[in-house]
Amino acid sequence: MRSIAFADFLIGVGILFVLEGLLFAASPGWMRKAMKSALATPDNILRAVGIGSAVAGLILIWFVRR
């Protein structure tokens, strides 16, 4: 039997796929430019943005679950 936390995780991954798919479908040219820009961005900047996004996501989840 799956736990509620695992089901919530799978729902979150599904929402991520939906949002990413919508961005690619709505504006493939913009997504292509965004990926090229990411390739040209230094690793430390990408890492900082990734950590910031992860922390913001955890805070959002914490507020919703509270």
N, C-alpha and C. Protein backbone atom coordinates (compact mmCIF):
# COMPACT_ATOMS: atom_id res chain seq x y z
N MET A 1 0.84 -1.19 0.00
CA MET A 1 0.00 0.00 0.00
C MET A 1 0.88 1.24 0.00
N ARG A 2 0.59 2.18 -0.88
CA ARG A 2 1.36 3.42 -0.96
C ARG A 2 1.00 4.35 0.18
N SER A 3 2.00 5.08 0.62
CA SER A 3 1.74 6.06 1.68
C SER A 3 1.17 7.34 1.06
N ILE A 4 0.55 8.13 1.91
CA ILE A 4 -0.02 9.40 1.45
C ILE A 4 1.10 10.32 0.95
N ALA A 5 2.24 10.31 1.64
CA ALA A 5 3.36 11.17 1.24
C ALA A 5 3.85 10.79 -0.15
N PHE A 6 3.92 9.50 -0.45
CA PHE A 6 4.37 9.06 -1.77
C PHE A 6 3.37 9.47 -2.84
N ALA A 7 2.08 9.36 -2.53
CA ALA A 7 1.05 9.77 -3.49
C ALA A 7 1.16 11.27 -3.75
N ASP A 8 1.38 12.06 -2.70
CA ASP A 8 1.56 13.50 -2.86
C ASP A 8 2.78 13.80 -3.72
N PHE A 9 3.85 13.04 -3.51
CA PHE A 9 5.06 13.22 -4.32
C PHE A 9 4.77 12.96 -5.79
N LEU A 10 4.06 11.89 -6.08
CA LEU A 10 3.73 11.56 -7.47
C LEU A 10 2.82 12.62 -8.09
N ILE A 11 1.90 13.16 -7.31
CA ILE A 11 1.05 14.24 -7.81
C ILE A 11 1.90 15.46 -8.14
N GLY A 12 2.86 15.77 -7.28
CA GLY A 12 3.76 16.90 -7.53
C GLY A 12 4.58 16.71 -8.80
N VAL A 13 5.08 15.51 -9.02
CA VAL A 13 5.85 15.22 -10.24
C VAL A 13 4.94 15.34 -11.46
N GLY A 14 3.72 14.86 -11.33
CA GLY A 14 2.77 14.98 -12.44
C GLY A 14 2.47 16.43 -12.78
N ILE A 15 2.30 17.27 -11.76
CA ILE A 15 2.05 18.70 -12.00
C ILE A 15 3.26 19.33 -12.67
N LEU A 16 4.46 18.94 -12.24
CA LEU A 16 5.68 19.44 -12.87
C LEU A 16 5.70 19.11 -14.36
N PHE A 17 5.36 17.86 -14.71
CA PHE A 17 5.34 17.46 -16.12
C PHE A 17 4.29 18.26 -16.91
N VAL A 18 3.12 18.47 -16.30
CA VAL A 18 2.07 19.24 -16.98
C VAL A 18 2.55 20.66 -17.26
N LEU A 19 3.11 21.32 -16.25
CA LEU A 19 3.56 22.70 -16.43
C LEU A 19 4.69 22.79 -17.46
N GLU A 20 5.63 21.88 -17.38
CA GLU A 20 6.73 21.90 -18.34
C GLU A 20 6.21 21.64 -19.75
N GLY A 21 5.31 20.69 -19.89
CA GLY A 21 4.73 20.40 -21.19
C GLY A 21 3.97 21.57 -21.77
N LEU A 22 3.23 22.28 -20.92
CA LEU A 22 2.49 23.44 -21.38
C LEU A 22 3.43 24.55 -21.85
N LEU A 23 4.54 24.74 -21.14
CA LEU A 23 5.50 25.76 -21.56
C LEU A 23 6.09 25.42 -22.93
N PHE A 24 6.47 24.16 -23.13
CA PHE A 24 7.03 23.76 -24.42
C PHE A 24 5.98 23.86 -25.52
N ALA A 25 4.74 23.51 -25.23
CA ALA A 25 3.69 23.56 -26.25
C ALA A 25 3.31 25.00 -26.60
N ALA A 26 3.26 25.87 -25.59
CA ALA A 26 2.82 27.24 -25.82
C ALA A 26 3.89 28.09 -26.49
N SER A 27 5.15 27.85 -26.16
CA SER A 27 6.20 28.71 -26.68
C SER A 27 7.52 27.94 -26.85
N PRO A 28 7.60 27.10 -27.87
CA PRO A 28 8.82 26.31 -28.04
C PRO A 28 10.05 27.17 -28.32
N GLY A 29 9.86 28.28 -29.04
CA GLY A 29 11.00 29.16 -29.33
C GLY A 29 11.57 29.78 -28.07
N TRP A 30 10.69 30.23 -27.19
CA TRP A 30 11.15 30.83 -25.92
C TRP A 30 11.85 29.80 -25.06
N MET A 31 11.33 28.57 -25.03
CA MET A 31 11.97 27.51 -24.24
C MET A 31 13.34 27.17 -24.81
N ARG A 32 13.47 27.16 -26.13
CA ARG A 32 14.76 26.89 -26.75
C ARG A 32 15.78 27.97 -26.36
N LYS A 33 15.33 29.25 -26.39
CA LYS A 33 16.22 30.35 -25.98
C LYS A 33 16.58 30.24 -24.50
N ALA A 34 15.61 29.84 -23.67
CA ALA A 34 15.87 29.69 -22.24
C ALA A 34 16.90 28.59 -21.98
N MET A 35 16.81 27.50 -22.72
CA MET A 35 17.78 26.40 -22.54
C MET A 35 19.17 26.83 -23.02
N LYS A 36 19.24 27.57 -24.12
CA LYS A 36 20.54 28.07 -24.59
C LYS A 36 21.13 29.02 -23.56
N SER A 37 20.29 29.84 -22.96
CA SER A 37 20.76 30.77 -21.93
C SER A 37 21.27 30.00 -20.71
N ALA A 38 20.59 28.92 -20.35
CA ALA A 38 21.03 28.11 -19.22
C ALA A 38 22.39 27.47 -19.51
N LEU A 39 22.62 27.06 -20.75
CA LEU A 39 23.91 26.47 -21.12
C LEU A 39 25.04 27.49 -20.98
N ALA A 40 24.73 28.76 -21.22
CA ALA A 40 25.75 29.81 -21.16
C ALA A 40 25.94 30.37 -19.74
N THR A 41 25.07 30.00 -18.82
CA THR A 41 25.14 30.53 -17.45
C THR A 41 26.14 29.72 -16.64
N PRO A 42 26.99 30.39 -15.85
CA PRO A 42 27.97 29.66 -15.03
C PRO A 42 27.30 28.71 -14.02
N ASP A 43 28.02 27.64 -13.69
CA ASP A 43 27.49 26.63 -12.78
C ASP A 43 27.08 27.20 -11.43
N ASN A 44 27.88 28.12 -10.89
CA ASN A 44 27.57 28.63 -9.56
C ASN A 44 26.25 29.41 -9.55
N ILE A 45 25.93 30.09 -10.64
CA ILE A 45 24.66 30.82 -10.72
C ILE A 45 23.50 29.83 -10.82
N LEU A 46 23.64 28.82 -11.67
CA LEU A 46 22.60 27.81 -11.79
C LEU A 46 22.38 27.09 -10.47
N ARG A 47 23.47 26.78 -9.78
CA ARG A 47 23.38 26.10 -8.49
C ARG A 47 22.64 26.97 -7.47
N ALA A 48 22.97 28.26 -7.42
CA ALA A 48 22.32 29.18 -6.48
C ALA A 48 20.82 29.30 -6.79
N VAL A 49 20.48 29.41 -8.07
CA VAL A 49 19.07 29.49 -8.44
C VAL A 49 18.34 28.19 -8.10
N GLY A 50 19.00 27.07 -8.32
CA GLY A 50 18.39 25.78 -7.99
C GLY A 50 18.15 25.62 -6.50
N ILE A 51 19.13 25.99 -5.70
CA ILE A 51 18.97 25.90 -4.24
C ILE A 51 17.88 26.86 -3.78
N GLY A 52 17.87 28.07 -4.33
CA GLY A 52 16.83 29.03 -3.96
C GLY A 52 15.44 28.52 -4.32
N SER A 53 15.30 27.92 -5.49
CA SER A 53 14.01 27.37 -5.90
C SER A 53 13.58 26.23 -4.99
N ALA A 54 14.53 25.37 -4.65
CA ALA A 54 14.21 24.24 -3.77
C ALA A 54 13.77 24.73 -2.39
N VAL A 55 14.46 25.72 -1.85
CA VAL A 55 14.10 26.27 -0.54
C VAL A 55 12.73 26.94 -0.62
N ALA A 56 12.48 27.71 -1.68
CA ALA A 56 11.17 28.35 -1.83
C ALA A 56 10.06 27.30 -1.93
N GLY A 57 10.33 26.23 -2.65
CA GLY A 57 9.34 25.15 -2.75
C GLY A 57 9.07 24.47 -1.42
N LEU A 58 10.13 24.23 -0.65
CA LEU A 58 9.94 23.63 0.67
C LEU A 58 9.15 24.54 1.59
N ILE A 59 9.44 25.83 1.54
CA ILE A 59 8.69 26.79 2.37
C ILE A 59 7.22 26.80 1.96
N LEU A 60 6.96 26.80 0.66
CA LEU A 60 5.58 26.78 0.18
C LEU A 60 4.86 25.52 0.66
N ILE A 61 5.50 24.38 0.53
CA ILE A 61 4.90 23.12 0.99
C ILE A 61 4.65 23.18 2.50
N TRP A 62 5.60 23.72 3.24
CA TRP A 62 5.45 23.81 4.70
C TRP A 62 4.25 24.67 5.07
N PHE A 63 4.08 25.82 4.37
CA PHE A 63 2.93 26.69 4.67
C PHE A 63 1.61 26.01 4.31
N VAL A 64 1.58 25.30 3.19
CA VAL A 64 0.34 24.64 2.77
C VAL A 64 -0.01 23.50 3.73
N ARG A 65 0.98 22.74 4.15
CA ARG A 65 0.76 21.58 5.02
C ARG A 65 0.51 21.97 6.48
N ARG A 66 0.83 23.17 6.84
CA ARG A 66 0.72 23.61 8.23
C ARG A 66 -0.68 23.76 8.70
